[in-house]
Amino acid sequence: MERVLQAVSRTLLALALLGLPGLAAAQQSDKDESFTQDFRLESCTFSSHGSNPYFILEPGYRTIFQGEEDGETVVNTIKVTGTTRRFGKIETRMVEERETHNGELVEVSRNYFAICTQTNSVFYFGEVVDLYAGGVIVAHDGSWLAGVSGAKPGLIMPGIILLGARYFQEVAPGVALDRAEIDAMDQVVATPAGTFTRCVKMEETTPLEPKAQEFKLYAPGVGLVQDDTLLLIQYGYVR
């Protein structure tokens, strides 16, 4: 009985952190506010490493994506690093992304995540962005850190997948307000790295660019396998 009560408690906490689909919409008239952005993080004990079924936060795990955008070959390499960063008392893990267009480096971002051990939800604490042109850094657009200029952690991957759930991934007013909606939970995705089943499909939008829309698909035990037009070409652990 005690184990059952503990499981129920974890589930209720995860639902509270995520926000039930439609609940916020019923309480708030503004469409943008129907996306959950308050997650009761004070209820969490955080870890800078671990694995959510759809998000791996273990140092050395790497995924590589490739696709065509605007006639250019785009390659995005994502690696979980051994570097950590503290946000107050919370230690987060740095995940580095390096994006090239036709072999030329265009962006490096250093993203910070931590897992809520009670719910297995992964939260996003910010990113430092370097934009390149001609081999030199020219801008830092999109950079934000929780606790700076009113920014707060967002939810990057819930511990419980609920069809129709809507939540902010980034909560940095005027800078980064990416949000996600879970559209499907049983997708099949064919990529150069293999065919994956039981994938979760998420639609990403932002009120900062009302016409922008992207789709991401995540496979259990692997993580992201399709990022809009980019498909997974390689994944696994590297030194």
C-alpha atoms as a PDB file:
ATOM      1  CA  MET A   1       0.000   0.000   0.000  1.00  0.00           C
ATOM      2  CA  GLU A   2       2.830   2.412   0.848  1.00  0.00           C
ATOM      3  CA  ARG A   3       4.378   1.917  -2.589  1.00  0.00           C
ATOM      4  CA  VAL A   4       1.028   2.568  -4.240  1.00  0.00           C
ATOM      5  CA  LEU A   5       0.584   5.783  -2.267  1.00  0.00           C
ATOM      6  CA  GLN A   6       4.098   6.906  -3.190  1.00  0.00           C
ATOM      7  CA  ALA A   7       3.402   6.229  -6.886  1.00  0.00           C
ATOM      8  CA  VAL A   8       0.132   8.163  -6.702  1.00  0.00           C
ATOM      9  CA  SER A   9       1.917  11.026  -4.950  1.00  0.00           C
ATOM     10  CA  ARG A  10       4.600  11.175  -7.678  1.00  0.00           C
ATOM     11  CA  THR A  11       1.930  11.171 -10.386  1.00  0.00           C
ATOM     12  CA  LEU A  12      -0.062  13.958  -8.746  1.00  0.00           C
ATOM     13  CA  LEU A  13       3.091  16.058  -8.319  1.00  0.00           C
ATOM     14  CA  ALA A  14       4.042  15.529 -11.971  1.00  0.00           C
ATOM     15  CA  LEU A  15       0.567  16.589 -13.083  1.00  0.00           C
ATOM     16  CA  ALA A  16       0.774  19.675 -10.887  1.00  0.00           C
ATOM     17  CA  LEU A  17       4.179  20.592 -12.328  1.00  0.00           C
ATOM     18  CA  LEU A  18       3.007  20.069 -15.889  1.00  0.00           C
ATOM     19  CA  GLY A  19      -0.486  21.485 -15.699  1.00  0.00           C
ATOM     20  CA  LEU A  20      -3.511  19.562 -16.897  1.00  0.00           C
ATOM     21  CA  PRO A  21      -4.473  20.128 -20.565  1.00  0.00           C
ATOM     22  CA  GLY A  22      -7.143  22.763 -20.781  1.00  0.00           C
ATOM     23  CA  LEU A  23      -7.069  23.690 -17.090  1.00  0.00           C
ATOM     24  CA  ALA A  24      -5.211  26.952 -17.589  1.00  0.00           C
ATOM     25  CA  ALA A  25      -7.341  27.743 -20.617  1.00  0.00           C
ATOM     26  CA  ALA A  26     -10.447  27.444 -18.483  1.00  0.00           C
ATOM     27  CA  GLN A  27      -9.004  29.787 -15.891  1.00  0.00           C
ATOM     28  CA  GLN A  28      -7.411  32.373 -18.183  1.00  0.00           C
ATOM     29  CA  SER A  29      -8.937  34.020 -21.232  1.00  0.00           C
ATOM     30  CA  ASP A  30      -5.707  34.917 -23.023  1.00  0.00           C
ATOM     31  CA  LYS A  31      -4.724  32.157 -25.462  1.00  0.00           C
ATOM     32  CA  ASP A  32      -1.004  32.523 -24.763  1.00  0.00           C
ATOM     33  CA  GLU A  33      -1.624  31.996 -21.068  1.00  0.00           C
ATOM     34  CA  SER A  34      -3.212  28.584 -21.717  1.00  0.00           C
ATOM     35  CA  PHE A  35       0.357  27.282 -21.823  1.00  0.00           C
ATOM     36  CA  THR A  36       1.571  26.348 -18.344  1.00  0.00           C
ATOM     37  CA  GLN A  37       4.498  28.463 -17.176  1.00  0.00           C
ATOM     38  CA  ASP A  38       4.477  27.955 -13.395  1.00  0.00           C
ATOM     39  CA  PHE A  39       5.798  24.541 -12.363  1.00  0.00           C
ATOM     40  CA  ARG A  40       6.099  24.555  -8.538  1.00  0.00           C
ATOM     41  CA  LEU A  41       9.816  23.878  -8.675  1.00  0.00           C
ATOM     42  CA  GLU A  42      10.044  24.234  -4.909  1.00  0.00           C
ATOM     43  CA  SER A  43       8.540  20.720  -4.762  1.00  0.00           C
ATOM     44  CA  CYS A  44      11.495  19.276  -6.687  1.00  0.00           C
ATOM     45  CA  THR A  45      14.859  17.900  -5.718  1.00  0.00           C
ATOM     46  CA  PHE A  46      17.046  18.404  -8.790  1.00  0.00           C
ATOM     47  CA  SER A  47      19.802  16.303 -10.325  1.00  0.00           C
ATOM     48  CA  SER A  48      22.234  17.363 -13.061  1.00  0.00           C
ATOM     49  CA  HIS A  49      22.334  13.862 -14.546  1.00  0.00           C
ATOM     50  CA  GLY A  50      19.934  11.042 -15.285  1.00  0.00           C
ATOM     51  CA  SER A  51      17.466   9.953 -17.945  1.00  0.00           C
ATOM     52  CA  ASN A  52      13.891  10.780 -18.752  1.00  0.00           C
ATOM     53  CA  PRO A  53      12.507   8.221 -21.278  1.00  0.00           C
ATOM     54  CA  TYR A  54      12.664  10.946 -23.955  1.00  0.00           C
ATOM     55  CA  PHE A  55      15.563  13.080 -22.733  1.00  0.00           C
ATOM     56  CA  ILE A  56      19.010  11.734 -21.809  1.00  0.00           C
ATOM     57  CA  LEU A  57      21.129  13.900 -19.529  1.00  0.00           C
ATOM     58  CA  GLU A  58      24.183  11.679 -19.103  1.00  0.00           C
ATOM     59  CA  PRO A  59      27.653  13.095 -19.932  1.00  0.00           C
ATOM     60  CA  GLY A  60      29.034  11.810 -23.218  1.00  0.00           C
ATOM     61  CA  TYR A  61      25.667  11.165 -24.888  1.00  0.00           C
ATOM     62  CA  ARG A  62      25.645  12.671 -28.384  1.00  0.00           C
ATOM     63  CA  THR A  63      23.165  12.989 -31.223  1.00  0.00           C
ATOM     64  CA  ILE A  64      23.855  14.305 -34.736  1.00  0.00           C
ATOM     65  CA  PHE A  65      21.185  15.606 -37.117  1.00  0.00           C
ATOM     66  CA  GLN A  66      21.294  16.522 -40.793  1.00  0.00           C
ATOM     67  CA  GLY A  67      18.886  18.022 -43.303  1.00  0.00           C
ATOM     68  CA  GLU A  68      18.321  20.669 -45.944  1.00  0.00           C
ATOM     69  CA  GLU A  69      17.180  24.214 -45.177  1.00  0.00           C
ATOM     70  CA  ASP A  70      16.951  26.966 -47.799  1.00  0.00           C
ATOM     71  CA  GLY A  71      19.181  24.977 -50.154  1.00  0.00           C
ATOM     72  CA  GLU A  72      21.915  24.456 -47.547  1.00  0.00           C
ATOM     73  CA  THR A  73      23.037  21.290 -45.806  1.00  0.00           C
ATOM     74  CA  VAL A  74      22.496  21.774 -42.080  1.00  0.00           C
ATOM     75  CA  VAL A  75      24.228  19.621 -39.463  1.00  0.00           C
ATOM     76  CA  ASN A  76      23.435  19.980 -35.770  1.00  0.00           C
ATOM     77  CA  THR A  77      25.525  18.129 -33.169  1.00  0.00           C
ATOM     78  CA  ILE A  78      24.171  17.923 -29.620  1.00  0.00           C
ATOM     79  CA  LYS A  79      26.362  16.619 -26.803  1.00  0.00           C
ATOM     80  CA  VAL A  80      25.794  16.263 -23.084  1.00  0.00           C
ATOM     81  CA  THR A  81      28.972  17.623 -21.523  1.00  0.00           C
ATOM     82  CA  GLY A  82      30.730  17.036 -18.226  1.00  0.00           C
ATOM     83  CA  THR A  83      30.285  20.723 -17.341  1.00  0.00           C
ATOM     84  CA  THR A  84      27.774  21.901 -14.742  1.00  0.00           C
ATOM     85  CA  ARG A  85      26.482  25.303 -13.690  1.00  0.00           C
ATOM     86  CA  ARG A  86      24.628  26.316 -10.560  1.00  0.00           C
ATOM     87  CA  PHE A  87      21.468  28.407 -10.513  1.00  0.00           C
ATOM     88  CA  GLY A  88      21.161  29.214  -6.835  1.00  0.00           C
ATOM     89  CA  LYS A  89      21.181  25.856  -5.062  1.00  0.00           C
ATOM     90  CA  ILE A  90      20.337  23.905  -8.229  1.00  0.00           C
ATOM     91  CA  GLU A  91      23.141  22.258 -10.194  1.00  0.00           C
ATOM     92  CA  THR A  92      22.406  21.944 -13.917  1.00  0.00           C
ATOM     93  CA  ARG A  93      24.084  20.068 -16.771  1.00  0.00           C
ATOM     94  CA  MET A  94      25.408  21.838 -19.861  1.00  0.00           C
ATOM     95  CA  VAL A  95      24.334  20.457 -23.231  1.00  0.00           C
ATOM     96  CA  GLU A  96      26.198  21.955 -26.178  1.00  0.00           C
ATOM     97  CA  GLU A  97      24.746  22.361 -29.665  1.00  0.00           C
ATOM     98  CA  ARG A  98      26.901  23.156 -32.698  1.00  0.00           C
ATOM     99  CA  GLU A  99      25.171  23.965 -35.987  1.00  0.00           C
ATOM    100  CA  THR A 100      26.845  24.249 -39.381  1.00  0.00           C
ATOM    101  CA  HIS A 101      25.474  25.292 -42.771  1.00  0.00           C
ATOM    102  CA  ASN A 102      27.362  23.813 -45.726  1.00  0.00           C
ATOM    103  CA  GLY A 103      30.183  23.041 -43.323  1.00  0.00           C
ATOM    104  CA  GLU A 104      30.470  26.575 -41.916  1.00  0.00           C
ATOM    105  CA  LEU A 105      29.832  27.092 -38.206  1.00  0.00           C
ATOM    106  CA  VAL A 106      26.819  29.377 -37.649  1.00  0.00           C
ATOM    107  CA  GLU A 107      25.814  28.788 -34.029  1.00  0.00           C
ATOM    108  CA  VAL A 108      27.042  27.331 -30.767  1.00  0.00           C
ATOM    109  CA  SER A 109      24.634  27.239 -27.832  1.00  0.00           C
ATOM    110  CA  ARG A 110      25.312  26.042 -24.306  1.00  0.00           C
ATOM    111  CA  ASN A 111      22.078  24.916 -22.696  1.00  0.00           C
ATOM    112  CA  TYR A 112      21.458  24.138 -19.022  1.00  0.00           C
ATOM    113  CA  PHE A 113      19.110  21.401 -17.795  1.00  0.00           C
ATOM    114  CA  ALA A 114      18.270  19.543 -14.581  1.00  0.00           C
ATOM    115  CA  ILE A 115      15.909  16.665 -13.766  1.00  0.00           C
ATOM    116  CA  CYS A 116      13.281  16.811 -11.036  1.00  0.00           C
ATOM    117  CA  THR A 117      13.906  13.502  -9.252  1.00  0.00           C
ATOM    118  CA  GLN A 118      10.353  13.289  -7.905  1.00  0.00           C
ATOM    119  CA  THR A 119       8.682  13.428 -11.328  1.00  0.00           C
ATOM    120  CA  ASN A 120      11.477  12.744 -13.849  1.00  0.00           C
ATOM    121  CA  SER A 121      10.584  15.991 -15.633  1.00  0.00           C
ATOM    122  CA  VAL A 122      13.494  17.846 -17.250  1.00  0.00           C
ATOM    123  CA  PHE A 123      13.641  21.613 -16.763  1.00  0.00           C
ATOM    124  CA  TYR A 124      15.443  24.216 -18.860  1.00  0.00           C
ATOM    125  CA  PHE A 125      17.406  26.896 -17.000  1.00  0.00           C
ATOM    126  CA  GLY A 126      18.735  28.908 -19.939  1.00  0.00           C
ATOM    127  CA  GLU A 127      21.242  29.066 -22.749  1.00  0.00           C
ATOM    128  CA  VAL A 128      24.250  31.088 -23.832  1.00  0.00           C
ATOM    129  CA  VAL A 129      24.230  31.565 -27.604  1.00  0.00           C
ATOM    130  CA  ASP A 130      27.112  32.469 -29.888  1.00  0.00           C
ATOM    131  CA  LEU A 131      26.150  33.297 -33.483  1.00  0.00           C
ATOM    132  CA  TYR A 132      28.913  33.133 -36.086  1.00  0.00           C
ATOM    133  CA  ALA A 133      29.582  34.699 -39.486  1.00  0.00           C
ATOM    134  CA  GLY A 134      32.825  34.177 -41.340  1.00  0.00           C
ATOM    135  CA  GLY A 135      34.282  32.245 -38.434  1.00  0.00           C
ATOM    136  CA  VAL A 136      33.815  34.989 -35.826  1.00  0.00           C
ATOM    137  CA  ILE A 137      31.135  35.607 -33.193  1.00  0.00           C
ATOM    138  CA  VAL A 138      28.767  38.373 -34.315  1.00  0.00           C
ATOM    139  CA  ALA A 139      25.823  38.168 -31.872  1.00  0.00           C
ATOM    140  CA  HIS A 140      24.299  36.415 -28.872  1.00  0.00           C
ATOM    141  CA  ASP A 141      20.604  36.628 -29.805  1.00  0.00           C
ATOM    142  CA  GLY A 142      18.380  34.252 -27.858  1.00  0.00           C
ATOM    143  CA  SER A 143      20.624  34.023 -24.801  1.00  0.00           C
ATOM    144  CA  TRP A 144      18.831  33.873 -21.448  1.00  0.00           C
ATOM    145  CA  LEU A 145      19.448  32.555 -17.944  1.00  0.00           C
ATOM    146  CA  ALA A 146      16.939  31.796 -15.210  1.00  0.00           C
ATOM    147  CA  GLY A 147      17.040  34.464 -12.523  1.00  0.00           C
ATOM    148  CA  VAL A 148      18.228  37.198 -14.901  1.00  0.00           C
ATOM    149  CA  SER A 149      15.829  39.960 -16.066  1.00  0.00           C
ATOM    150  CA  GLY A 150      12.769  38.076 -14.853  1.00  0.00           C
ATOM    151  CA  ALA A 151      13.565  34.804 -16.626  1.00  0.00           C
ATOM    152  CA  LYS A 152      12.389  31.544 -15.033  1.00  0.00           C
ATOM    153  CA  PRO A 153      13.054  27.862 -15.788  1.00  0.00           C
ATOM    154  CA  GLY A 154      10.841  26.218 -18.395  1.00  0.00           C
ATOM    155  CA  LEU A 155       9.833  22.603 -18.923  1.00  0.00           C
ATOM    156  CA  ILE A 156      11.717  20.887 -21.745  1.00  0.00           C
ATOM    157  CA  MET A 157      10.383  17.335 -21.238  1.00  0.00           C
ATOM    158  CA  PRO A 158       7.612  16.251 -18.848  1.00  0.00           C
ATOM    159  CA  GLY A 159       7.981  13.095 -16.814  1.00  0.00           C
ATOM    160  CA  ILE A 160       4.428  12.110 -17.731  1.00  0.00           C
ATOM    161  CA  ILE A 161       3.389  12.496 -21.366  1.00  0.00           C
ATOM    162  CA  LEU A 162      -0.159  13.813 -21.687  1.00  0.00           C
ATOM    163  CA  LEU A 163      -1.767  14.225 -25.096  1.00  0.00           C
ATOM    164  CA  GLY A 164      -2.681  17.876 -25.553  1.00  0.00           C
ATOM    165  CA  ALA A 165      -0.485  19.161 -22.721  1.00  0.00           C
ATOM    166  CA  ARG A 166       0.782  22.696 -23.374  1.00  0.00           C
ATOM    167  CA  TYR A 167       3.644  24.349 -21.563  1.00  0.00           C
ATOM    168  CA  PHE A 168       6.420  26.914 -21.900  1.00  0.00           C
ATOM    169  CA  GLN A 169       9.901  25.542 -22.514  1.00  0.00           C
ATOM    170  CA  GLU A 170      11.514  28.951 -22.021  1.00  0.00           C
ATOM    171  CA  VAL A 171      10.237  31.754 -19.791  1.00  0.00           C
ATOM    172  CA  ALA A 172      12.386  34.779 -20.633  1.00  0.00           C
ATOM    173  CA  PRO A 173      10.070  37.723 -21.408  1.00  0.00           C
ATOM    174  CA  GLY A 174      10.931  39.485 -24.644  1.00  0.00           C
ATOM    175  CA  VAL A 175      13.879  37.180 -25.342  1.00  0.00           C
ATOM    176  CA  ALA A 176      12.893  33.505 -25.419  1.00  0.00           C
ATOM    177  CA  LEU A 177       9.351  32.169 -25.019  1.00  0.00           C
ATOM    178  CA  ASP A 178       9.354  28.839 -26.812  1.00  0.00           C
ATOM    179  CA  ARG A 179       6.378  26.677 -25.904  1.00  0.00           C
ATOM    180  CA  ALA A 180       5.293  23.148 -26.771  1.00  0.00           C
ATOM    181  CA  GLU A 181       2.089  21.182 -27.272  1.00  0.00           C
ATOM    182  CA  ILE A 182       2.044  17.380 -27.316  1.00  0.00           C
ATOM    183  CA  ASP A 183       0.267  16.454 -30.565  1.00  0.00           C
ATOM    184  CA  ALA A 184       0.747  12.667 -30.726  1.00  0.00           C
ATOM    185  CA  MET A 185       2.197   9.817 -28.690  1.00  0.00           C
ATOM    186  CA  ASP A 186       2.580   6.832 -31.023  1.00  0.00           C
ATOM    187  CA  GLN A 187       4.439   8.052 -34.102  1.00  0.00           C
ATOM    188  CA  VAL A 188       6.850   6.089 -36.305  1.00  0.00           C
ATOM    189  CA  VAL A 189       9.901   8.027 -37.511  1.00  0.00           C
ATOM    190  CA  ALA A 190      12.300   6.750 -40.183  1.00  0.00           C
ATOM    191  CA  THR A 191      15.763   8.325 -40.058  1.00  0.00           C
ATOM    192  CA  PRO A 192      19.229   7.460 -41.413  1.00  0.00           C
ATOM    193  CA  ALA A 193      20.062   6.255 -37.878  1.00  0.00           C
ATOM    194  CA  GLY A 194      17.131   3.820 -37.836  1.00  0.00           C
ATOM    195  CA  THR A 195      13.358   3.615 -37.599  1.00  0.00           C
ATOM    196  CA  PHE A 196      11.864   4.502 -34.229  1.00  0.00           C
ATOM    197  CA  THR A 197       8.429   3.642 -32.855  1.00  0.00           C
ATOM    198  CA  ARG A 198       6.271   5.003 -30.010  1.00  0.00           C
ATOM    199  CA  CYS A 199       7.602   8.486 -30.687  1.00  0.00           C
ATOM    200  CA  VAL A 200       6.123  11.590 -29.093  1.00  0.00           C
ATOM    201  CA  LYS A 201       5.370  14.472 -31.456  1.00  0.00           C
ATOM    202  CA  MET A 202       5.535  18.053 -30.181  1.00  0.00           C
ATOM    203  CA  GLU A 203       4.515  21.266 -31.912  1.00  0.00           C
ATOM    204  CA  GLU A 204       6.678  24.242 -30.935  1.00  0.00           C
ATOM    205  CA  THR A 205       5.606  27.874 -31.260  1.00  0.00           C
ATOM    206  CA  THR A 206       6.470  31.225 -29.687  1.00  0.00           C
ATOM    207  CA  PRO A 207       4.411  34.373 -29.127  1.00  0.00           C
ATOM    208  CA  LEU A 208       7.504  36.353 -30.157  1.00  0.00           C
ATOM    209  CA  GLU A 209       7.052  35.036 -33.729  1.00  0.00           C
ATOM    210  CA  PRO A 210       3.335  34.229 -34.126  1.00  0.00           C
ATOM    211  CA  LYS A 211       3.767  32.599 -37.553  1.00  0.00           C
ATOM    212  CA  ALA A 212       6.693  30.389 -36.550  1.00  0.00           C
ATOM    213  CA  GLN A 213       5.950  26.682 -36.119  1.00  0.00           C
ATOM    214  CA  GLU A 214       8.220  23.646 -35.801  1.00  0.00           C
ATOM    215  CA  PHE A 215       7.735  19.976 -35.007  1.00  0.00           C
ATOM    216  CA  LYS A 216      10.004  17.726 -32.958  1.00  0.00           C
ATOM    217  CA  LEU A 217       9.730  13.988 -32.417  1.00  0.00           C
ATOM    218  CA  TYR A 218      11.288  12.043 -29.550  1.00  0.00           C
ATOM    219  CA  ALA A 219      11.857   8.291 -29.294  1.00  0.00           C
ATOM    220  CA  PRO A 220      11.974   6.403 -25.971  1.00  0.00           C
ATOM    221  CA  GLY A 221      15.516   5.571 -24.904  1.00  0.00           C
ATOM    222  CA  VAL A 222      17.009   7.814 -27.602  1.00  0.00           C
ATOM    223  CA  GLY A 223      15.580  11.303 -27.230  1.00  0.00           C
ATOM    224  CA  LEU A 224      15.165  13.708 -30.136  1.00  0.00           C
ATOM    225  CA  VAL A 225      15.092  11.903 -33.504  1.00  0.00           C
ATOM    226  CA  GLN A 226      13.599  14.590 -35.756  1.00  0.00           C
ATOM    227  CA  ASP A 227      13.930  18.352 -35.440  1.00  0.00           C
ATOM    228  CA  ASP A 228      11.617  19.776 -38.100  1.00  0.00           C
ATOM    229  CA  THR A 229      13.553  19.109 -41.351  1.00  0.00           C
ATOM    230  CA  LEU A 230      16.595  17.618 -39.603  1.00  0.00           C
ATOM    231  CA  LEU A 231      16.783  13.841 -39.106  1.00  0.00           C
ATOM    232  CA  LEU A 232      18.937  11.830 -36.720  1.00  0.00           C
ATOM    233  CA  ILE A 233      21.987  10.363 -38.453  1.00  0.00           C
ATOM    234  CA  GLN A 234      23.976   9.179 -35.434  1.00  0.00           C
ATOM    235  CA  TYR A 235      23.541   8.697 -31.693  1.00  0.00           C
ATOM    236  CA  GLY A 236      25.304   7.122 -28.729  1.00  0.00           C
ATOM    237  CA  TYR A 237      28.002   7.733 -26.160  1.00  0.00           C
ATOM    238  CA  VAL A 238      31.385   9.245 -27.008  1.00  0.00           C
ATOM    239  CA  ARG A 239      34.364  10.157 -24.841  1.00  0.00           C
END
